[in-house]
N, C-alpha and C. Protein backbone atom coordinates (compact mmCIF):
# COMPACT_ATOMS: atom_id res chain seq x y z
N MET A 1 167.72 -83.60 -50.75
CA MET A 1 167.19 -82.20 -50.07
C MET A 1 168.11 -82.14 -48.77
N GLN A 2 168.24 -80.97 -48.00
CA GLN A 2 168.75 -81.11 -46.83
C GLN A 2 167.67 -80.77 -45.96
N HIS A 3 166.78 -80.45 -46.21
CA HIS A 3 165.84 -80.60 -45.24
C HIS A 3 164.91 -81.81 -45.09
N ASP A 4 165.02 -82.97 -45.84
CA ASP A 4 164.61 -84.15 -45.44
C ASP A 4 164.18 -84.89 -43.76
N TRP A 5 164.97 -84.54 -43.28
CA TRP A 5 164.82 -84.98 -41.79
C TRP A 5 164.12 -84.33 -41.17
N ILE A 6 163.62 -82.87 -41.52
CA ILE A 6 163.15 -82.59 -40.66
C ILE A 6 161.04 -83.33 -40.52
N PRO A 7 160.68 -83.56 -41.80
CA PRO A 7 159.26 -84.56 -41.40
C PRO A 7 159.36 -85.82 -40.61
N GLU A 8 160.92 -86.32 -40.76
CA GLU A 8 161.07 -87.39 -40.14
C GLU A 8 160.76 -87.36 -38.83
N VAL A 9 161.38 -86.04 -37.89
CA VAL A 9 161.73 -85.60 -36.68
C VAL A 9 160.31 -85.37 -36.49
N LEU A 10 159.97 -84.86 -36.79
CA LEU A 10 158.33 -84.52 -36.25
C LEU A 10 157.69 -85.66 -36.59
N GLU A 11 157.82 -86.73 -37.54
CA GLU A 11 156.84 -87.95 -37.55
C GLU A 11 157.12 -88.60 -36.23
N ASP A 12 158.22 -88.65 -35.70
CA ASP A 12 158.83 -89.66 -34.50
C ASP A 12 158.43 -88.71 -33.27
N LEU A 13 158.27 -87.34 -33.10
CA LEU A 13 157.33 -86.88 -32.22
C LEU A 13 156.13 -87.02 -31.95
N ARG A 14 155.81 -87.07 -33.21
CA ARG A 14 154.12 -87.60 -33.25
C ARG A 14 153.93 -88.89 -32.46
N ALA A 15 154.38 -89.86 -33.02
CA ALA A 15 154.04 -91.01 -32.51
C ALA A 15 154.69 -91.16 -31.17
N TYR A 16 155.35 -90.62 -30.60
CA TYR A 16 155.83 -90.46 -29.40
C TYR A 16 154.92 -90.06 -28.53
N ALA A 17 154.57 -89.29 -28.77
CA ALA A 17 153.52 -88.37 -28.39
C ALA A 17 152.30 -89.29 -27.81
N ARG A 18 151.89 -89.96 -29.37
CA ARG A 18 150.31 -90.64 -29.16
C ARG A 18 150.76 -92.21 -28.58
N GLU A 19 151.93 -92.50 -28.15
CA GLU A 19 152.11 -93.73 -27.45
C GLU A 19 152.13 -93.25 -25.88
N ASN A 20 152.26 -91.88 -25.96
CA ASN A 20 152.46 -91.65 -24.47
C ASN A 20 151.30 -90.43 -23.91
N GLY A 21 150.14 -91.07 -24.30
CA GLY A 21 148.93 -89.92 -23.86
C GLY A 21 149.23 -88.55 -23.97
N LEU A 22 150.02 -88.54 -25.20
CA LEU A 22 149.58 -86.90 -25.71
C LEU A 22 148.86 -86.87 -27.07
N PRO A 23 147.69 -86.87 -27.35
CA PRO A 23 146.75 -86.72 -28.55
C PRO A 23 146.86 -85.37 -28.92
N ARG A 24 146.34 -84.46 -27.80
CA ARG A 24 146.61 -83.02 -28.59
C ARG A 24 147.72 -82.34 -29.30
N LEU A 25 149.27 -82.80 -28.89
CA LEU A 25 150.05 -82.61 -28.77
C LEU A 25 150.56 -83.52 -29.99
N ALA A 26 149.79 -84.36 -30.34
CA ALA A 26 150.14 -85.54 -31.33
C ALA A 26 149.62 -84.60 -32.81
N GLU A 27 148.29 -84.36 -32.51
CA GLU A 27 147.63 -83.72 -33.82
C GLU A 27 148.25 -82.26 -34.02
N GLU A 28 148.61 -81.51 -33.10
CA GLU A 28 149.32 -80.55 -33.20
C GLU A 28 150.39 -80.62 -34.47
N LEU A 29 151.69 -81.98 -33.84
CA LEU A 29 152.81 -82.29 -34.72
C LEU A 29 151.93 -82.80 -35.79
N ASP A 30 151.30 -83.11 -36.25
CA ASP A 30 150.69 -83.74 -37.56
C ASP A 30 150.59 -83.05 -38.39
N SER A 31 149.55 -81.32 -38.17
CA SER A 31 149.93 -80.41 -38.96
C SER A 31 151.31 -80.02 -38.80
N VAL A 32 152.23 -79.45 -38.01
CA VAL A 32 153.15 -78.84 -38.40
C VAL A 32 154.02 -79.66 -39.79
N ARG A 33 153.78 -81.45 -39.53
CA ARG A 33 154.76 -82.14 -40.13
C ARG A 33 154.49 -81.81 -41.90
N LEU A 34 152.81 -81.29 -42.05
CA LEU A 34 152.39 -81.35 -43.19
C LEU A 34 152.90 -79.75 -43.84
N PHE A 35 152.56 -78.59 -42.73
CA PHE A 35 153.14 -77.77 -43.07
C PHE A 35 154.40 -77.72 -43.34
N ALA A 36 155.40 -78.25 -42.96
CA ALA A 36 156.90 -78.47 -43.32
C ALA A 36 157.47 -79.34 -44.57
N LEU A 37 156.08 -80.12 -44.65
CA LEU A 37 156.58 -80.95 -46.31
C LEU A 37 155.88 -80.00 -47.19
N ALA A 38 154.82 -78.76 -46.95
CA ALA A 38 154.52 -77.87 -48.20
C ALA A 38 155.48 -77.00 -48.25
N GLU A 39 155.98 -76.63 -47.13
CA GLU A 39 157.28 -75.64 -47.14
C GLU A 39 158.23 -76.01 -47.71
N ILE A 40 158.40 -76.92 -47.28
CA ILE A 40 160.00 -77.19 -48.32
C ILE A 40 160.01 -77.77 -49.46
N ALA A 41 158.42 -78.49 -49.97
CA ALA A 41 158.62 -78.43 -51.61
C ALA A 41 157.94 -77.22 -52.19
N SER A 42 157.78 -76.67 -51.32
CA SER A 42 157.66 -75.13 -52.27
C SER A 42 158.63 -74.44 -52.63
N ARG A 43 159.82 -74.61 -51.70
CA ARG A 43 161.25 -74.23 -51.95
C ARG A 43 161.73 -74.78 -53.14
N PHE A 44 162.13 -76.30 -53.44
CA PHE A 44 162.08 -76.62 -54.78
C PHE A 44 161.23 -76.47 -56.02
N GLU A 45 160.42 -75.95 -56.20
CA GLU A 45 159.50 -75.97 -57.16
C GLU A 45 160.37 -74.79 -57.95
N PRO A 46 159.83 -75.42 -59.39
CA PRO A 46 160.70 -74.83 -60.68
C PRO A 46 159.70 -73.06 -60.35
N PRO A 47 160.46 -72.14 -61.01
CA PRO A 47 159.70 -70.68 -61.07
C PRO A 47 158.26 -70.85 -62.20
N PRO A 48 157.47 -70.54 -62.15
CA PRO A 48 156.29 -70.97 -62.78
C PRO A 48 156.80 -70.09 -64.19
N ASP A 49 155.95 -70.95 -65.54
CA ASP A 49 155.96 -70.63 -66.35
C ASP A 49 155.81 -69.28 -66.75
N THR A 50 156.26 -68.32 -67.66
CA THR A 50 155.97 -67.01 -67.93
C THR A 50 155.69 -67.42 -69.48
N GLY A 51 155.51 -68.43 -70.10
CA GLY A 51 155.34 -68.60 -71.44
C GLY A 51 156.50 -68.03 -72.58
N GLY A 52 157.47 -67.65 -72.09
CA GLY A 52 158.40 -66.96 -72.78
C GLY A 52 158.94 -65.72 -72.93
N HIS A 53 157.97 -65.33 -72.19
CA HIS A 53 157.52 -63.55 -71.62
C HIS A 53 158.87 -63.62 -69.95
N GLN A 54 159.52 -62.68 -70.50
CA GLN A 54 160.18 -62.07 -69.34
C GLN A 54 159.74 -61.26 -68.26
N THR A 55 159.59 -61.79 -66.94
CA THR A 55 158.98 -60.67 -66.31
C THR A 55 159.88 -59.47 -65.16
N ARG A 56 159.23 -58.24 -64.67
CA ARG A 56 160.43 -57.68 -64.40
C ARG A 56 159.38 -57.39 -63.01
N GLY A 57 160.40 -56.88 -62.11
CA GLY A 57 159.84 -56.56 -61.15
C GLY A 57 159.48 -55.16 -60.97
N PRO A 58 159.66 -54.32 -59.79
CA PRO A 58 158.75 -53.11 -59.59
C PRO A 58 159.48 -52.16 -60.09
N ARG A 59 159.42 -51.30 -60.64
CA ARG A 59 160.44 -50.36 -61.49
C ARG A 59 160.34 -49.38 -60.29
């Protein structure tokens, strides 16, 4: 995936913040990393199964 690097960079930043006395920043970066993982995963999930029925948008 083309976005795999984002959580890795956020993890590196979080580790740096923890090691350098920035615990609040580390905590926020952990939250952002989890958000990034969820958003990236949701972009690549298959569409929901419609049970063979086609859905239509608003008319």
